Amino acid sequence: ALIPRPETELLVEWAVELERAEGPWQVAVDVGAGTGAIACALAAAAPRLEVVAVERSAGALALAAANVEALGLGRRVRLVAGDLFDPLGGLQAAVDLVVSNPPYIASGDIEGLPPEVRDWEPREALDGGPDGMAVHRRLVAESPRILRPAGWLLMEMGERQAEPLRASMEANGFERVEVRRDLRGVERMIAGRVPAPEAWVR
C-alpha cells in the first residue's frame, strides 16, 4: 500500500474545515483508501461522520482493517472492497463528501521515480495513466451521482494538473472550485461542490 505523505494530512485538514463550515455532515466516502489513513483521520476529527472507505487491493484493505481496529473506529469507518464507486449503489445522492488521494503520476514517469518509491510501492497506487489524471477524471464524472446536492469532491493531485482538473470539474457542473498548495508551494489539492438547490445556498 502507498505510504501516506505529509500532503495527505493537508487533504484531511481541508476536509475537516469543509465539514465544520458546511456541515454537520453524515457520510463521507474515501475512494482508494489504501491503509485507511484518510478515513481514520477524518473519522477521528469529525465525530458525527460515518466514513465509507473503498479499496480494491486486498492487501491494502487488510492493513486498513488493522488500523481501524487499532484506533477503535470500527463503528464509524466501514471498509468496502471494490473499484471507485462500483460497490456504492446504495448511496445515490446520499454522500456529503468524496475524498481521494488517487494515483497521479503519468505512466511514462514511473521509471524515473526514486528507487525507494518505484520499487517498493504498488504501481497501481502511483500510476495515473498517460497524463496522470485518469482516475481523477473518473472521480469527477462519477461522483455527482452519489453526492447529495451541495456535496463536495476533494482530491489530491500532481504538479501541473490543477488547471485541467479545474476545467474538468467545471465542465461536469461543479461550483466553488478551489485549488490549494502543499508545504512546498505546489498546487496539490482541488475541491468543488455539486450545485445546491437555491433554498440551500448558505
Foldseek 3Di string as FASTA:
>chain_A
DDDDDPQVVVLLVVVLVCCVVQDVFEEEEEAQCQLVPSVVSNCVSNVRYAYEYEHADPVSLVNNVVVCVVSVNVVRYHYDHDHGCVVPPVQFQPHQEYEYAAAQDAPVCLVVDPCVDSVPDDVRRHHLYHRRCVVVLVCLQPVNRRHHAFHKYKYWYDAPCVVVSVVSNVVSQWPPWDWDADPVRGGTMIMTTHHHPPVSDD
